[in-house]
Protein backbone atom coordinates (compact mmCIF):
# COMPACT_ATOMS: atom_id res chain seq x y z
CA MET A 1 0.48 -0.13 0.17
CA PHE A 2 1.30 3.40 -1.12
CA TYR A 3 0.29 6.62 0.46
CA LYS A 4 1.59 10.54 1.19
CA ASP A 5 1.10 13.19 3.56
CA THR A 6 -0.08 16.57 2.85
CA ASN A 7 3.76 17.52 1.56
CA ASN A 8 3.85 15.19 -0.55
CA LYS A 9 5.90 12.78 1.30
CA PRO A 10 5.57 9.16 0.25
CA PHE A 11 5.15 6.56 2.47
CA PHE A 12 5.53 2.86 2.17
CA GLU A 13 3.28 0.38 3.86
CA PRO A 14 2.93 2.55 7.25
CA SER A 15 0.83 1.35 10.04
CA ALA A 16 -2.82 2.16 10.65
CA GLN A 17 -1.42 4.88 13.56
CA VAL A 18 0.91 6.81 11.18
CA ILE A 19 -1.92 6.73 8.52
CA GLU A 20 -4.04 8.09 11.16
CA LYS A 21 -1.06 10.43 12.54
CA PHE A 22 -0.12 12.00 9.36
CA ASN A 23 -3.66 11.98 7.66
CA LEU A 24 -2.18 9.96 4.71
CA THR A 25 -3.79 9.37 1.31
CA GLU A 26 -3.83 6.19 -0.27
CA ILE A 27 -2.18 6.37 -3.85
CA THR A 28 -1.36 4.24 -6.45
CA GLU A 29 2.38 2.45 -7.27
CA ALA A 30 2.94 4.64 -9.92
CA GLU A 31 1.91 8.27 -8.22
CA PHE A 32 4.09 7.00 -4.95
CA ASN A 33 7.62 6.11 -7.66
CA GLN A 34 6.94 9.53 -9.38
CA ILE A 35 7.52 11.12 -5.86
CA VAL A 36 10.36 9.34 -4.95
CA GLU A 37 12.01 9.80 -7.79
CA ALA A 38 11.38 13.67 -7.94
CA VAL A 39 12.47 13.79 -4.51
CA ASN A 40 16.04 11.58 -5.54
CA ILE A 41 16.40 14.26 -8.13
CA PRO A 42 19.31 16.78 -7.29
CA THR A 43 18.53 20.55 -7.51
CA ALA A 44 20.72 22.57 -10.10
CA GLU A 45 22.11 24.35 -7.42
CA GLN A 46 23.28 20.40 -5.42
CA VAL A 47 24.32 19.15 -8.66
CA LEU A 48 26.61 22.87 -9.04
CA GLN A 49 28.13 22.61 -5.50
CA GLN A 50 29.25 18.81 -6.78
CA GLN A 51 31.06 19.92 -9.61
CA LEU A 52 32.42 22.94 -7.77
CA ARG A 53 33.80 20.25 -4.86
CA GLU A 54 34.96 18.33 -7.75
CA ALA A 55 36.92 20.80 -9.48
CA GLU A 56 38.08 22.17 -6.12
CA GLN A 57 39.59 18.12 -5.63
CA TYR A 58 40.95 18.00 -8.62
CA LEU A 59 42.92 20.95 -8.08
CA LYS A 60 44.49 19.36 -4.76
CA ASP A 61 45.08 16.44 -6.29
CA THR A 62 47.01 17.56 -8.85
CA ASP A 63 48.90 20.08 -6.79
CA TYR A 64 52.22 17.94 -7.50
CA VAL A 65 52.43 18.73 -10.64
CA VAL A 66 52.83 22.59 -9.99
CA VAL A 67 54.81 22.00 -6.88
CA LYS A 68 57.35 19.60 -9.20
CA MET A 69 57.82 22.10 -11.81
CA ALA A 70 58.26 25.14 -9.21
CA GLU A 71 60.88 22.97 -7.22
CA ALA A 72 62.86 21.84 -10.38
CA GLN A 73 62.66 25.59 -11.92
CA SER A 74 64.07 27.08 -8.43
CA LEU A 75 66.95 24.14 -8.84
CA GLY A 76 67.62 25.94 -12.50
CA VAL A 77 66.44 22.85 -14.39
CA ASP A 78 64.65 23.30 -17.86
CA ILE A 79 61.01 22.59 -17.34
CA THR A 80 60.43 22.68 -20.82
CA ASP A 81 59.84 18.79 -20.92
CA MET A 82 57.47 18.76 -17.81
CA LYS A 83 55.76 21.54 -19.14
CA ALA A 84 54.92 18.85 -22.35
CA GLU A 85 54.74 15.81 -20.28
CA TYR A 86 51.79 17.79 -18.14
CA ALA A 87 50.40 19.94 -20.43
CA ASP A 88 47.13 18.32 -20.08
CA VAL A 89 46.68 18.73 -16.26
CA ILE A 90 48.03 22.04 -16.45
CA ALA A 91 45.15 23.02 -18.69
CA GLU A 92 42.49 21.17 -16.44
CA ARG A 93 43.56 23.09 -13.32
CA GLU A 94 42.97 26.04 -15.67
CA ALA A 95 39.89 25.48 -16.63
CA LYS A 96 38.54 24.04 -13.15
CA ARG A 97 40.00 27.14 -11.99
CA GLN A 98 37.97 29.04 -14.49
CA PHE A 99 34.88 27.09 -12.86
CA ILE A 100 35.12 27.91 -9.96
CA ARG A 101 35.71 31.35 -10.61
CA GLU A 102 32.75 32.02 -12.46
CA ASN A 103 30.60 29.63 -10.17
CA ARG A 104 31.94 30.94 -7.02
């Protein structure tokens, strides 16, 4: 048996006490599934916040690249090969920083 309360919160096989206490209305399984799906879909803001967390994590996870290059450069090492080796990481870091700047 499927029910919902006045706030559209779904209930599956509630007891008679719960039905009475929350003034539940019986609904179809299809309506129940539709409500559950809607509740579990993240909002645009939640998606954006997750993307920002992932961008920040990427920067943290790849900090070693820029530290490695800066250290080599400070020791007078030619980092031309390192720039080529890490070109994708450097470009992605810039894209992540830009995304964060535009969405904070």
